[in-house]
Amino acid sequence: PDISGLGIMGVANFDLAETPAGNVYAHIGAGYLGNSLGITAGAKFDYPIPDVMEGKLSVTAFLKANATLDGGIEVSDNAAEGESSTTGWANFGIALNYAL
């Protein structure tokens, strides 16, 4: 199925907690994703590495879930014309950040 398309989202970010190890953030948003309404929600944890590169290096671990009403797959022969399935997916990863 073709699930390519443009994504334009409005997202609100929240600082959930400041821990001795780093900060925890969350976000939630909605907008146009693919060919229909989409939503996103997730969290991330920033861990500064104090003894490397003069404290300018940090690691971010994140988890994000996304969903769109138009998954690009026709649901069935009984569905209304042009109707397609919903689709959702999750992203997770780790990023290195360097502050200038």
PDB file of N, CA and C in Angstrom:
ATOM      1  N   PRO A   1       0.820  -1.211   0.000  1.00  0.00           N
ATOM      2  CA  PRO A   1       0.000   0.000   0.000  1.00  0.00           C
ATOM      3  C   PRO A   1       0.852   1.259   0.000  1.00  0.00           C
ATOM      4  N   ASP A   2       0.321   2.303  -0.594  1.00  0.00           N
ATOM      5  CA  ASP A   2       1.019   3.584  -0.622  1.00  0.00           C
ATOM      6  C   ASP A   2       0.577   4.416   0.570  1.00  0.00           C
ATOM      7  N   ILE A   3       1.460   4.588   1.542  1.00  0.00           N
ATOM      8  CA  ILE A   3       1.134   5.411   2.719  1.00  0.00           C
ATOM      9  C   ILE A   3       2.004   6.663   2.753  1.00  0.00           C
ATOM     10  N   SER A   4       2.552   7.039   1.602  1.00  0.00           N
ATOM     11  CA  SER A   4       3.373   8.242   1.543  1.00  0.00           C
ATOM     12  C   SER A   4       2.473   9.468   1.542  1.00  0.00           C
ATOM     13  N   GLY A   5       3.022  10.591   1.889  1.00  0.00           N
ATOM     14  CA  GLY A   5       2.272  11.829   1.885  1.00  0.00           C
ATOM     15  C   GLY A   5       2.931  12.871   2.751  1.00  0.00           C
ATOM     16  N   LEU A   6       2.288  13.983   2.866  1.00  0.00           N
ATOM     17  CA  LEU A   6       2.782  15.120   3.611  1.00  0.00           C
ATOM     18  C   LEU A   6       2.247  15.088   5.035  1.00  0.00           C
ATOM     19  N   GLY A   7       3.055  15.498   5.984  1.00  0.00           N
ATOM     20  CA  GLY A   7       2.609  15.586   7.371  1.00  0.00           C
ATOM     21  C   GLY A   7       2.786  16.984   7.912  1.00  0.00           C
ATOM     22  N   ILE A   8       1.716  17.563   8.411  1.00  0.00           N
ATOM     23  CA  ILE A   8       1.756  18.876   9.061  1.00  0.00           C
ATOM     24  C   ILE A   8       1.063  18.722  10.403  1.00  0.00           C
ATOM     25  N   MET A   9       1.823  18.835  11.478  1.00  0.00           N
ATOM     26  CA  MET A   9       1.285  18.570  12.810  1.00  0.00           C
ATOM     27  C   MET A   9       1.504  19.778  13.718  1.00  0.00           C
ATOM     28  N   GLY A  10       0.529  20.032  14.568  1.00  0.00           N
ATOM     29  CA  GLY A  10       0.689  20.958  15.678  1.00  0.00           C
ATOM     30  C   GLY A  10       0.976  20.130  16.913  1.00  0.00           C
ATOM     31  N   VAL A  11       2.069  20.432  17.609  1.00  0.00           N
ATOM     32  CA  VAL A  11       2.504  19.603  18.728  1.00  0.00           C
ATOM     33  C   VAL A  11       2.740  20.466  19.956  1.00  0.00           C
ATOM     34  N   ALA A  12       2.251  19.992  21.116  1.00  0.00           N
ATOM     35  CA  ALA A  12       2.518  20.637  22.406  1.00  0.00           C
ATOM     36  C   ALA A  12       3.524  19.784  23.167  1.00  0.00           C
ATOM     37  N   ASN A  13       4.569  20.412  23.688  1.00  0.00           N
ATOM     38  CA  ASN A  13       5.607  19.722  24.446  1.00  0.00           C
ATOM     39  C   ASN A  13       5.485  20.067  25.920  1.00  0.00           C
ATOM     40  N   PHE A  14       5.719  19.081  26.770  1.00  0.00           N
ATOM     41  CA  PHE A  14       5.603  19.254  28.211  1.00  0.00           C
ATOM     42  C   PHE A  14       6.867  18.762  28.899  1.00  0.00           C
ATOM     43  N   ASP A  15       7.364  19.520  29.855  1.00  0.00           N
ATOM     44  CA  ASP A  15       8.470  19.084  30.699  1.00  0.00           C
ATOM     45  C   ASP A  15       7.848  18.346  31.878  1.00  0.00           C
ATOM     46  N   LEU A  16       7.930  17.021  31.894  1.00  0.00           N
ATOM     47  CA  LEU A  16       7.271  16.214  32.922  1.00  0.00           C
ATOM     48  C   LEU A  16       8.035  16.183  34.235  1.00  0.00           C
ATOM     49  N   ALA A  17       9.348  15.984  34.160  1.00  0.00           N
ATOM     50  CA  ALA A  17      10.120  15.840  35.394  1.00  0.00           C
ATOM     51  C   ALA A  17      11.582  16.182  35.145  1.00  0.00           C
ATOM     52  N   GLU A  18      12.185  16.796  36.154  1.00  0.00           N
ATOM     53  CA  GLU A  18      13.615  17.032  36.140  1.00  0.00           C
ATOM     54  C   GLU A  18      14.222  16.100  37.178  1.00  0.00           C
ATOM     55  N   THR A  19      14.994  15.126  36.720  1.00  0.00           N
ATOM     56  CA  THR A  19      15.604  14.156  37.620  1.00  0.00           C
ATOM     57  C   THR A  19      17.099  14.465  37.720  1.00  0.00           C
ATOM     58  N   PRO A  20      17.767  13.932  38.712  1.00  0.00           N
ATOM     59  CA  PRO A  20      19.219  14.131  38.788  1.00  0.00           C
ATOM     60  C   PRO A  20      19.961  13.586  37.564  1.00  0.00           C
ATOM     61  N   ALA A  21      19.398  12.575  36.907  1.00  0.00           N
ATOM     62  CA  ALA A  21      20.038  11.990  35.722  1.00  0.00           C
ATOM     63  C   ALA A  21      19.725  12.768  34.446  1.00  0.00           C
ATOM     64  N   GLY A  22      18.629  13.516  34.402  1.00  0.00           N
ATOM     65  CA  GLY A  22      18.238  14.254  33.203  1.00  0.00           C
ATOM     66  C   GLY A  22      16.766  14.581  33.230  1.00  0.00           C
ATOM     67  N   ASN A  23      16.288  15.206  32.157  1.00  0.00           N
ATOM     68  CA  ASN A  23      14.891  15.645  32.078  1.00  0.00           C
ATOM     69  C   ASN A  23      14.042  14.674  31.268  1.00  0.00           C
ATOM     70  N   VAL A  24      12.753  14.567  31.667  1.00  0.00           N
ATOM     71  CA  VAL A  24      11.779  13.735  30.967  1.00  0.00           C
ATOM     72  C   VAL A  24      10.740  14.667  30.346  1.00  0.00           C
ATOM     73  N   TYR A  25      10.478  14.503  29.049  1.00  0.00           N
ATOM     74  CA  TYR A  25       9.536  15.335  28.314  1.00  0.00           C
ATOM     75  C   TYR A  25       8.464  14.460  27.667  1.00  0.00           C
ATOM     76  N   ALA A  26       7.299  15.055  27.389  1.00  0.00           N
ATOM     77  CA  ALA A  26       6.224  14.392  26.653  1.00  0.00           C
ATOM     78  C   ALA A  26       5.704  15.352  25.594  1.00  0.00           C
ATOM     79  N   HIS A  27       5.079  14.795  24.571  1.00  0.00           N
ATOM     80  CA  HIS A  27       4.431  15.631  23.557  1.00  0.00           C
ATOM     81  C   HIS A  27       3.164  14.948  23.065  1.00  0.00           C
ATOM     82  N   ILE A  28       2.242  15.780  22.598  1.00  0.00           N
ATOM     83  CA  ILE A  28       1.007  15.292  21.989  1.00  0.00           C
ATOM     84  C   ILE A  28       0.638  16.276  20.884  1.00  0.00           C
ATOM     85  N   GLY A  29       0.107  15.740  19.777  1.00  0.00           N
ATOM     86  CA  GLY A  29      -0.228  16.632  18.683  1.00  0.00           C
ATOM     87  C   GLY A  29      -1.211  16.015  17.712  1.00  0.00           C
ATOM     88  N   ALA A  30      -1.710  16.860  16.825  1.00  0.00           N
ATOM     89  CA  ALA A  30      -2.655  16.428  15.801  1.00  0.00           C
ATOM     90  C   ALA A  30      -2.451  17.294  14.571  1.00  0.00           C
ATOM     91  N   GLY A  31      -2.901  16.767  13.436  1.00  0.00           N
ATOM     92  CA  GLY A  31      -2.791  17.523  12.200  1.00  0.00           C
ATOM     93  C   GLY A  31      -3.067  16.645  11.001  1.00  0.00           C
ATOM     94  N   TYR A  32      -2.494  17.017   9.881  1.00  0.00           N
ATOM     95  CA  TYR A  32      -2.659  16.317   8.613  1.00  0.00           C
ATOM     96  C   TYR A  32      -1.483  15.369   8.443  1.00  0.00           C
ATOM     97  N   LEU A  33      -1.758  14.082   8.313  1.00  0.00           N
ATOM     98  CA  LEU A  33      -0.693  13.083   8.218  1.00  0.00           C
ATOM     99  C   LEU A  33      -1.052  12.101   7.105  1.00  0.00           C
ATOM    100  N   GLY A  34      -0.272  12.093   6.041  1.00  0.00           N
ATOM    101  CA  GLY A  34      -0.574  11.243   4.882  1.00  0.00           C
ATOM    102  C   GLY A  34      -1.658  11.889   4.052  1.00  0.00           C
ATOM    103  N   ASN A  35      -2.868  11.343   4.090  1.00  0.00           N
ATOM    104  CA  ASN A  35      -3.994  11.917   3.350  1.00  0.00           C
ATOM    105  C   ASN A  35      -5.191  12.206   4.239  1.00  0.00           C
ATOM    106  N   SER A  36      -4.980  12.278   5.564  1.00  0.00           N
ATOM    107  CA  SER A  36      -6.106  12.421   6.467  1.00  0.00           C
ATOM    108  C   SER A  36      -5.642  12.968   7.818  1.00  0.00           C
ATOM    109  N   LEU A  37      -6.571  13.007   8.775  1.00  0.00           N
ATOM    110  CA  LEU A  37      -6.272  13.433  10.128  1.00  0.00           C
ATOM    111  C   LEU A  37      -5.311  12.457  10.785  1.00  0.00           C
ATOM    112  N   GLY A  38      -4.321  12.968  11.486  1.00  0.00           N
ATOM    113  CA  GLY A  38      -3.358  12.129  12.183  1.00  0.00           C
ATOM    114  C   GLY A  38      -3.095  12.659  13.576  1.00  0.00           C
ATOM    115  N   ILE A  39      -2.592  11.780  14.439  1.00  0.00           N
ATOM    116  CA  ILE A  39      -2.233  12.167  15.800  1.00  0.00           C
ATOM    117  C   ILE A  39      -0.853  11.601  16.132  1.00  0.00           C
ATOM    118  N   THR A  40      -0.203  12.218  17.111  1.00  0.00           N
ATOM    119  CA  THR A  40       1.089  11.749  17.582  1.00  0.00           C
ATOM    120  C   THR A  40       1.180  11.973  19.081  1.00  0.00           C
ATOM    121  N   ALA A  41       1.890  11.099  19.761  1.00  0.00           N
ATOM    122  CA  ALA A  41       2.140  11.243  21.195  1.00  0.00           C
ATOM    123  C   ALA A  41       3.440  10.514  21.509  1.00  0.00           C
ATOM    124  N   GLY A  42       4.170  11.021  22.488  1.00  0.00           N
ATOM    125  CA  GLY A  42       5.419  10.359  22.812  1.00  0.00           C
ATOM    126  C   GLY A  42       6.101  10.959  24.018  1.00  0.00           C
ATOM    127  N   ALA A  43       7.270  10.409  24.317  1.00  0.00           N
ATOM    128  CA  ALA A  43       8.066  10.864  25.445  1.00  0.00           C
ATOM    129  C   ALA A  43       9.543  10.735  25.093  1.00  0.00           C
ATOM    130  N   LYS A  44      10.358  11.533  25.765  1.00  0.00           N
ATOM    131  CA  LYS A  44      11.800  11.422  25.571  1.00  0.00           C
ATOM    132  C   LYS A  44      12.513  11.727  26.883  1.00  0.00           C
ATOM    133  N   PHE A  45      13.723  11.205  26.984  1.00  0.00           N
ATOM    134  CA  PHE A  45      14.556  11.400  28.158  1.00  0.00           C
ATOM    135  C   PHE A  45      15.896  11.935  27.693  1.00  0.00           C
ATOM    136  N   ASP A  46      16.305  13.093  28.217  1.00  0.00           N
ATOM    137  CA  ASP A  46      17.594  13.685  27.881  1.00  0.00           C
ATOM    138  C   ASP A  46      18.580  13.440  29.013  1.00  0.00           C
ATOM    139  N   TYR A  47      19.725  12.840  28.672  1.00  0.00           N
ATOM    140  CA  TYR A  47      20.765  12.547  29.655  1.00  0.00           C
ATOM    141  C   TYR A  47      22.036  13.304  29.273  1.00  0.00           C
ATOM    142  N   PRO A  48      22.386  14.364  30.023  1.00  0.00           N
ATOM    143  CA  PRO A  48      23.629  15.078  29.733  1.00  0.00           C
ATOM    144  C   PRO A  48      24.835  14.237  30.160  1.00  0.00           C
ATOM    145  N   ILE A  49      25.886  14.277  29.359  1.00  0.00           N
ATOM    146  CA  ILE A  49      27.117  13.557  29.672  1.00  0.00           C
ATOM    147  C   ILE A  49      28.142  14.592  30.132  1.00  0.00           C
ATOM    148  N   PRO A  50      28.300  14.764  31.444  1.00  0.00           N
ATOM    149  CA  PRO A  50      29.080  15.892  31.960  1.00  0.00           C
ATOM    150  C   PRO A  50      30.581  15.830  31.695  1.00  0.00           C
ATOM    151  N   ASP A  51      31.174  14.659  31.620  1.00  0.00           N
ATOM    152  CA  ASP A  51      32.629  14.551  31.523  1.00  0.00           C
ATOM    153  C   ASP A  51      33.137  14.341  30.101  1.00  0.00           C
ATOM    154  N   VAL A  52      32.287  14.546  29.111  1.00  0.00           N
ATOM    155  CA  VAL A  52      32.691  14.350  27.717  1.00  0.00           C
ATOM    156  C   VAL A  52      32.467  15.642  26.950  1.00  0.00           C
ATOM    157  N   MET A  53      33.474  16.056  26.201  1.00  0.00           N
ATOM    158  CA  MET A  53      33.402  17.249  25.331  1.00  0.00           C
ATOM    159  C   MET A  53      32.925  18.476  26.112  1.00  0.00           C
ATOM    160  N   GLU A  54      33.495  18.694  27.259  1.00  0.00           N
ATOM    161  CA  GLU A  54      33.213  19.862  28.104  1.00  0.00           C
ATOM    162  C   GLU A  54      31.741  19.959  28.498  1.00  0.00           C
ATOM    163  N   GLY A  55      31.050  18.822  28.611  1.00  0.00           N
ATOM    164  CA  GLY A  55      29.650  18.812  29.023  1.00  0.00           C
ATOM    165  C   GLY A  55      28.657  19.218  27.948  1.00  0.00           C
ATOM    166  N   LYS A  56      29.106  19.347  26.708  1.00  0.00           N
ATOM    167  CA  LYS A  56      28.214  19.776  25.622  1.00  0.00           C
ATOM    168  C   LYS A  56      27.519  18.612  24.919  1.00  0.00           C
ATOM    169  N   LEU A  57      27.859  17.380  25.300  1.00  0.00           N
ATOM    170  CA  LEU A  57      27.281  16.203  24.667  1.00  0.00           C
ATOM    171  C   LEU A  57      26.178  15.628  25.548  1.00  0.00           C
ATOM    172  N   SER A  58      25.071  15.224  24.931  1.00  0.00           N
ATOM    173  CA  SER A  58      23.976  14.577  25.658  1.00  0.00           C
ATOM    174  C   SER A  58      23.394  13.458  24.796  1.00  0.00           C
ATOM    175  N   VAL A  59      22.680  12.560  25.464  1.00  0.00           N
ATOM    176  CA  VAL A  59      22.013  11.451  24.792  1.00  0.00           C
ATOM    177  C   VAL A  59      20.518  11.603  25.012  1.00  0.00           C
ATOM    178  N   THR A  60      19.728  11.407  23.969  1.00  0.00           N
ATOM    179  CA  THR A  60      18.269  11.455  24.056  1.00  0.00           C
ATOM    180  C   THR A  60      17.709  10.103  23.636  1.00  0.00           C
ATOM    181  N   ALA A  61      16.894   9.506  24.509  1.00  0.00           N
ATOM    182  CA  ALA A  61      16.154   8.283  24.170  1.00  0.00           C
ATOM    183  C   ALA A  61      14.695   8.688  24.007  1.00  0.00           C
ATOM    184  N   PHE A  62      14.042   8.216  22.939  1.00  0.00           N
ATOM    185  CA  PHE A  62      12.660   8.631  22.693  1.00  0.00           C
ATOM    186  C   PHE A  62      11.784   7.466  22.263  1.00  0.00           C
ATOM    187  N   LEU A  63      10.493   7.624  22.499  1.00  0.00           N
ATOM    188  CA  LEU A  63       9.457   6.691  22.067  1.00  0.00           C
ATOM    189  C   LEU A  63       8.281   7.524  21.595  1.00  0.00           C
ATOM    190  N   LYS A  64       7.783   7.235  20.394  1.00  0.00           N
ATOM    191  CA  LYS A  64       6.703   8.033  19.812  1.00  0.00           C
ATOM    192  C   LYS A  64       5.724   7.120  19.091  1.00  0.00           C
ATOM    193  N   ALA A  65       4.429   7.386  19.238  1.00  0.00           N
ATOM    194  CA  ALA A  65       3.378   6.649  18.528  1.00  0.00           C
ATOM    195  C   ALA A  65       2.656   7.609  17.593  1.00  0.00           C
ATOM    196  N   ASN A  66       2.304   7.118  16.410  1.00  0.00           N
ATOM    197  CA  ASN A  66       1.604   7.908  15.397  1.00  0.00           C
ATOM    198  C   ASN A  66       0.418   7.109  14.867  1.00  0.00           C
ATOM    199  N   ALA A  67      -0.605   7.800  14.427  1.00  0.00           N
ATOM    200  CA  ALA A  67      -1.757   7.146  13.805  1.00  0.00           C
ATOM    201  C   ALA A  67      -2.371   8.091  12.786  1.00  0.00           C
ATOM    202  N   THR A  68      -2.950   7.527  11.733  1.00  0.00           N
ATOM    203  CA  THR A  68      -3.663   8.308  10.726  1.00  0.00           C
ATOM    204  C   THR A  68      -4.941   7.568  10.342  1.00  0.00           C
ATOM    205  N   LEU A  69      -5.969   8.314   9.993  1.00  0.00           N
ATOM    206  CA  LEU A  69      -7.236   7.702   9.596  1.00  0.00           C
ATOM    207  C   LEU A  69      -7.166   7.071   8.216  1.00  0.00           C
ATOM    208  N   ASP A  70      -6.214   7.501   7.381  1.00  0.00           N
ATOM    209  CA  ASP A  70      -6.090   6.956   6.035  1.00  0.00           C
ATOM    210  C   ASP A  70      -4.818   6.144   5.930  1.00  0.00           C
ATOM    211  N   GLY A  71      -4.952   4.813   6.006  1.00  0.00           N
ATOM    212  CA  GLY A  71      -3.805   3.929   5.921  1.00  0.00           C
ATOM    213  C   GLY A  71      -3.447   3.513   4.512  1.00  0.00           C
ATOM    214  N   GLY A  72      -4.207   3.944   3.516  1.00  0.00           N
ATOM    215  CA  GLY A  72      -3.891   3.643   2.135  1.00  0.00           C
ATOM    216  C   GLY A  72      -4.358   2.282   1.642  1.00  0.00           C
ATOM    217  N   ILE A  73      -5.079   1.509   2.464  1.00  0.00           N
ATOM    218  CA  ILE A  73      -5.549   0.185   2.064  1.00  0.00           C
ATOM    219  C   ILE A  73      -7.072   0.207   2.020  1.00  0.00           C
ATOM    220  N   GLU A  74      -7.654  -0.226   0.909  1.00  0.00           N
ATOM    221  CA  GLU A  74      -9.108  -0.331   0.821  1.00  0.00           C
ATOM    222  C   GLU A  74      -9.591  -1.360   1.842  1.00  0.00           C
ATOM    223  N   VAL A  75     -10.652  -1.027   2.614  1.00  0.00           N
ATOM    224  CA  VAL A  75     -11.090  -1.927   3.678  1.00  0.00           C
ATOM    225  C   VAL A  75     -11.811  -3.157   3.162  1.00  0.00           C
ATOM    226  N   SER A  76     -12.773  -3.004   2.285  1.00  0.00           N
ATOM    227  CA  SER A  76     -13.479  -4.157   1.731  1.00  0.00           C
ATOM    228  C   SER A  76     -14.362  -3.686   0.577  1.00  0.00           C
ATOM    229  N   ASP A  77     -14.984  -4.650  -0.092  1.00  0.00           N
ATOM    230  CA  ASP A  77     -15.894  -4.303  -1.180  1.00  0.00           C
ATOM    231  C   ASP A  77     -17.156  -3.628  -0.658  1.00  0.00           C
ATOM    232  N   ASN A  78     -17.521  -3.862   0.604  1.00  0.00           N
ATOM    233  CA  ASN A  78     -18.724  -3.277   1.188  1.00  0.00           C
ATOM    234  C   ASN A  78     -18.507  -1.869   1.732  1.00  0.00           C
ATOM    235  N   ALA A  79     -17.274  -1.414   1.775  1.00  0.00           N
ATOM    236  CA  ALA A  79     -16.979  -0.090   2.340  1.00  0.00           C
ATOM    237  C   ALA A  79     -17.416   0.998   1.372  1.00  0.00           C
ATOM    238  N   ALA A  80     -17.622   2.175   1.903  1.00  0.00           N
ATOM    239  CA  ALA A  80     -17.963   3.325   1.070  1.00  0.00           C
ATOM    240  C   ALA A  80     -16.797   3.604   0.121  1.00  0.00           C
ATOM    241  N   GLU A  81     -17.111   4.155  -1.037  1.00  0.00           N
ATOM    242  CA  GLU A  81     -16.077   4.399  -2.030  1.00  0.00           C
ATOM    243  C   GLU A  81     -15.001   5.323  -1.476  1.00  0.00           C
ATOM    244  N   GLY A  82     -13.749   4.949  -1.671  1.00  0.00           N
ATOM    245  CA  GLY A  82     -12.629   5.752  -1.213  1.00  0.00           C
ATOM    246  C   GLY A  82     -12.274   5.554   0.247  1.00  0.00           C
ATOM    247  N   GLU A  83     -13.041   4.738   0.967  1.00  0.00           N
ATOM    248  CA  GLU A  83     -12.745   4.527   2.383  1.00  0.00           C
ATOM    249  C   GLU A  83     -11.556   3.590   2.523  1.00  0.00           C
ATOM    250  N   SER A  84     -10.655   3.924   3.454  1.00  0.00           N
ATOM    251  CA  SER A  84      -9.486   3.069   3.664  1.00  0.00           C
ATOM    252  C   SER A  84      -9.276   2.841   5.155  1.00  0.00           C
ATOM    253  N   SER A  85      -8.360   1.948   5.451  1.00  0.00           N
ATOM    254  CA  SER A  85      -8.114   1.554   6.837  1.00  0.00           C
ATOM    255  C   SER A  85      -7.311   2.613   7.588  1.00  0.00           C
ATOM    256  N   THR A  86      -7.399   2.559   8.899  1.00  0.00           N
ATOM    257  CA  THR A  86      -6.535   3.388   9.729  1.00  0.00           C
ATOM    258  C   THR A  86      -5.193   2.681   9.881  1.00  0.00           C
ATOM    259  N   THR A  87      -4.160   3.448  10.153  1.00  0.00           N
ATOM    260  CA  THR A  87      -2.823   2.896  10.302  1.00  0.00           C
ATOM    261  C   THR A  87      -2.135   3.565  11.482  1.00  0.00           C
ATOM    262  N   GLY A  88      -1.372   2.792  12.234  1.00  0.00           N
ATOM    263  CA  GLY A  88      -0.593   3.336  13.332  1.00  0.00           C
ATOM    264  C   GLY A  88       0.778   2.717  13.360  1.00  0.00           C
ATOM    265  N   TRP A  89       1.741   3.418  13.917  1.00  0.00           N
ATOM    266  CA  TRP A  89       3.087   2.897  14.036  1.00  0.00           C
ATOM    267  C   TRP A  89       3.793   3.583  15.195  1.00  0.00           C
ATOM    268  N   ALA A  90       4.871   3.001  15.628  1.00  0.00           N
ATOM    269  CA  ALA A  90       5.656   3.558  16.732  1.00  0.00           C
ATOM    270  C   ALA A  90       7.108   3.710  16.284  1.00  0.00           C
ATOM    271  N   ASN A  91       7.760   4.730  16.816  1.00  0.00           N
ATOM    272  CA  ASN A  91       9.179   4.963  16.575  1.00  0.00           C
ATOM    273  C   ASN A  91       9.885   4.958  17.925  1.00  0.00           C
ATOM    274  N   PHE A  92      11.074   4.435  17.968  1.00  0.00           N
ATOM    275  CA  PHE A  92      11.906   4.587  19.144  1.00  0.00           C
ATOM    276  C   PHE A  92      13.358   4.708  18.680  1.00  0.00           C
ATOM    277  N   GLY A  93      14.149   5.343  19.503  1.00  0.00           N
ATOM    278  CA  GLY A  93      15.541   5.502  19.102  1.00  0.00           C
ATOM    279  C   GLY A  93      16.355   6.231  20.144  1.00  0.00           C
ATOM    280  N   ILE A  94      17.616   6.396  19.795  1.00  0.00           N
ATOM    281  CA  ILE A  94      18.560   7.103  20.643  1.00  0.00           C
ATOM    282  C   ILE A  94      19.325   8.077  19.748  1.00  0.00           C
ATOM    283  N   ALA A  95      19.501   9.302  20.241  1.00  0.00           N
ATOM    284  CA  ALA A  95      20.214  10.320  19.474  1.00  0.00           C
ATOM    285  C   ALA A  95      21.298  10.946  20.339  1.00  0.00           C
ATOM    286  N   LEU A  96      22.417  11.291  19.693  1.00  0.00           N
ATOM    287  CA  LEU A  96      23.467  12.059  20.355  1.00  0.00           C
ATOM    288  C   LEU A  96      23.297  13.517  19.980  1.00  0.00           C
ATOM    289  N   ASN A  97      23.397  14.406  20.953  1.00  0.00           N
ATOM    290  CA  ASN A  97      23.232  15.849  20.730  1.00  0.00           C
ATOM    291  C   ASN A  97      24.491  16.576  21.172  1.00  0.00           C
ATOM    292  N   TYR A  98      24.870  17.573  20.402  1.00  0.00           N
ATOM    293  CA  TYR A  98      26.019  18.403  20.754  1.00  0.00           C
ATOM    294  C   TYR A  98      25.562  19.848  20.777  1.00  0.00           C
ATOM    295  N   ALA A  99      25.689  20.510  21.914  1.00  0.00           N
ATOM    296  CA  ALA A  99      25.320  21.924  22.042  1.00  0.00           C
ATOM    297  C   ALA A  99      26.506  22.801  21.671  1.00  0.00           C
ATOM    298  N   LEU A 100      26.285  23.717  20.772  1.00  0.00           N
ATOM    299  CA  LEU A 100      27.363  24.625  20.346  1.00  0.00           C
ATOM    300  C   LEU A 100      27.632  25.693  21.363  1.00  0.00           C
TER     301      LEU A 100
END
